[in-house]
Structures are given as C-alpha cells and as structure tokens.
Amino acid sequence: MNISKNNQNELFYINKGLSFLKQRKYNEAEESYKKAIEINPQNDSAYYNLGYIYQQQQKYNEAEESFKKAIKINPQNDSAY
C-alpha cells in the first residue's frame, strides 16, 4: 500500500481535529481541519466537521458555508444536510 505523504498529513490533521473535537477544544479542532483542507480541498468530511465546530460556536453563517462545501464535494454526505 502506497500512501503519499500528503495523504498521511491529511489523515493526521483529520484525526487530530477529531481528538480536539471530542475534548470540545473547538479552536484547536478548527485549525486542524483547516490544515487538512489546505492539503486536500476535496475532503468533504473536513468541511462537515468544520461546519459542526462553527455550529457549536454559534457561527451559523460559517457553519452553513462549510456544510454547503461538504455537500458540493459529496452530495451523498447525508450528515451535511
């Protein structure tokens, strides 16, 4: 199995974001998901989780934009609706 360095870094930031999210460290989680998106702008899960973070912080406009991006990338992502 050949996993590129970018994929490894992307997964690192996704997992790091999830860990922060579970601890309700939303600012740290937000930064991790933004880094994952920087590596792979087509990662719908990162946009979904970023939207969830914004929702928890009552940043509803940002949440809506992130959810829309997740849906645009993957219309099958039912969680983002």
C-alpha atoms as a PDB file:
ATOM      1  CA  MET A   1       0.000   0.000   0.000  1.00  0.00           C
ATOM      2  CA  ASN A   2       1.492   3.287  -1.116  1.00  0.00           C
ATOM      3  CA  ILE A   3       0.182   6.235   0.881  1.00  0.00           C
ATOM      4  CA  SER A   4       1.527   9.590  -0.179  1.00  0.00           C
ATOM      5  CA  LYS A   5       2.962  11.983   2.362  1.00  0.00           C
ATOM      6  CA  ASN A   6       0.072  14.409   1.710  1.00  0.00           C
ATOM      7  CA  ASN A   7      -2.477  11.691   2.479  1.00  0.00           C
ATOM      8  CA  GLN A   8      -0.650  10.866   5.695  1.00  0.00           C
ATOM      9  CA  ASN A   9      -0.569  14.520   6.717  1.00  0.00           C
ATOM     10  CA  GLU A  10      -4.222  14.947   5.805  1.00  0.00           C
ATOM     11  CA  LEU A  11      -5.210  11.962   7.940  1.00  0.00           C
ATOM     12  CA  PHE A  12      -3.004  13.239  10.760  1.00  0.00           C
ATOM     13  CA  TYR A  13      -4.866  16.567  10.817  1.00  0.00           C
ATOM     14  CA  ILE A  14      -8.273  14.881  10.479  1.00  0.00           C
ATOM     15  CA  ASN A  15      -7.520  12.615  13.445  1.00  0.00           C
ATOM     16  CA  LYS A  16      -6.026  15.485  15.432  1.00  0.00           C
ATOM     17  CA  GLY A  17      -9.146  17.562  14.744  1.00  0.00           C
ATOM     18  CA  LEU A  18     -11.378  14.705  15.844  1.00  0.00           C
ATOM     19  CA  SER A  19      -9.414  14.341  19.068  1.00  0.00           C
ATOM     20  CA  PHE A  20      -9.763  18.066  19.806  1.00  0.00           C
ATOM     21  CA  LEU A  21     -13.442  17.953  18.852  1.00  0.00           C
ATOM     22  CA  LYS A  22     -14.110  15.174  21.359  1.00  0.00           C
ATOM     23  CA  GLN A  23     -12.446  17.321  24.029  1.00  0.00           C
ATOM     24  CA  ARG A  24     -14.535  20.326  22.928  1.00  0.00           C
ATOM     25  CA  LYS A  25     -11.371  22.235  22.089  1.00  0.00           C
ATOM     26  CA  TYR A  26     -13.050  23.878  19.142  1.00  0.00           C
ATOM     27  CA  ASN A  27     -10.360  26.405  18.244  1.00  0.00           C
ATOM     28  CA  GLU A  28      -7.692  23.702  18.041  1.00  0.00           C
ATOM     29  CA  ALA A  29     -10.018  21.404  16.100  1.00  0.00           C
ATOM     30  CA  GLU A  30     -10.839  24.214  13.672  1.00  0.00           C
ATOM     31  CA  GLU A  31      -7.141  24.770  12.930  1.00  0.00           C
ATOM     32  CA  SER A  32      -6.579  21.051  12.359  1.00  0.00           C
ATOM     33  CA  TYR A  33      -9.461  20.757   9.910  1.00  0.00           C
ATOM     34  CA  LYS A  34      -8.335  23.888   8.067  1.00  0.00           C
ATOM     35  CA  LYS A  35      -4.885  22.329   7.642  1.00  0.00           C
ATOM     36  CA  ALA A  36      -6.450  19.120   6.329  1.00  0.00           C
ATOM     37  CA  ILE A  37      -8.488  21.175   3.835  1.00  0.00           C
ATOM     38  CA  GLU A  38      -5.342  23.036   2.805  1.00  0.00           C
ATOM     39  CA  ILE A  39      -3.753  19.678   1.950  1.00  0.00           C
ATOM     40  CA  ASN A  40      -6.889  18.318   0.262  1.00  0.00           C
ATOM     41  CA  PRO A  41      -9.588  20.866  -0.607  1.00  0.00           C
ATOM     42  CA  GLN A  42     -11.837  17.988  -1.735  1.00  0.00           C
ATOM     43  CA  ASN A  43     -12.200  16.440   1.727  1.00  0.00           C
ATOM     44  CA  ASP A  44     -15.930  16.682   2.435  1.00  0.00           C
ATOM     45  CA  SER A  45     -15.564  15.233   5.940  1.00  0.00           C
ATOM     46  CA  ALA A  46     -13.180  18.003   6.948  1.00  0.00           C
ATOM     47  CA  TYR A  47     -15.665  20.607   5.728  1.00  0.00           C
ATOM     48  CA  TYR A  48     -18.515  18.836   7.524  1.00  0.00           C
ATOM     49  CA  ASN A  49     -16.592  18.719  10.816  1.00  0.00           C
ATOM     50  CA  LEU A  50     -15.548  22.336  10.401  1.00  0.00           C
ATOM     51  CA  GLY A  51     -19.226  23.201   9.945  1.00  0.00           C
ATOM     52  CA  TYR A  52     -20.089  21.294  13.104  1.00  0.00           C
ATOM     53  CA  ILE A  53     -17.448  23.245  15.035  1.00  0.00           C
ATOM     54  CA  TYR A  54     -18.811  26.540  13.754  1.00  0.00           C
ATOM     55  CA  GLN A  55     -22.313  25.434  14.707  1.00  0.00           C
ATOM     56  CA  GLN A  56     -21.153  24.681  18.259  1.00  0.00           C
ATOM     57  CA  GLN A  57     -19.584  28.136  18.424  1.00  0.00           C
ATOM     58  CA  GLN A  58     -22.817  29.718  17.154  1.00  0.00           C
ATOM     59  CA  LYS A  59     -21.061  30.889  13.981  1.00  0.00           C
ATOM     60  CA  TYR A  60     -24.032  29.917  11.864  1.00  0.00           C
ATOM     61  CA  ASN A  61     -23.044  31.624   8.601  1.00  0.00           C
ATOM     62  CA  GLU A  62     -19.641  29.917   8.637  1.00  0.00           C
ATOM     63  CA  ALA A  63     -21.295  26.610   9.520  1.00  0.00           C
ATOM     64  CA  GLU A  64     -23.695  26.902   6.604  1.00  0.00           C
ATOM     65  CA  GLU A  65     -20.855  27.664   4.179  1.00  0.00           C
ATOM     66  CA  SER A  66     -18.841  24.673   5.380  1.00  0.00           C
ATOM     67  CA  PHE A  67     -21.835  22.348   5.116  1.00  0.00           C
ATOM     68  CA  LYS A  68     -22.541  23.631   1.595  1.00  0.00           C
ATOM     69  CA  LYS A  69     -18.939  22.923   0.578  1.00  0.00           C
ATOM     70  CA  ALA A  70     -19.187  19.406   2.008  1.00  0.00           C
ATOM     71  CA  ILE A  71     -22.381  18.795   0.018  1.00  0.00           C
ATOM     72  CA  LYS A  72     -20.923  20.245  -3.177  1.00  0.00           C
ATOM     73  CA  ILE A  73     -17.933  17.913  -2.907  1.00  0.00           C
ATOM     74  CA  ASN A  74     -20.007  14.895  -1.926  1.00  0.00           C
ATOM     75  CA  PRO A  75     -23.780  15.158  -2.388  1.00  0.00           C
ATOM     76  CA  GLN A  76     -24.074  11.705  -0.751  1.00  0.00           C
ATOM     77  CA  ASN A  77     -22.833  13.093   2.586  1.00  0.00           C
ATOM     78  CA  ASP A  78     -26.215  12.948   4.313  1.00  0.00           C
ATOM     79  CA  SER A  79     -24.809  14.347   7.560  1.00  0.00           C
ATOM     80  CA  ALA A  80     -24.164  17.727   5.944  1.00  0.00           C
ATOM     81  CA  TYR A  81     -27.826  18.317   5.099  1.00  0.00           C
END
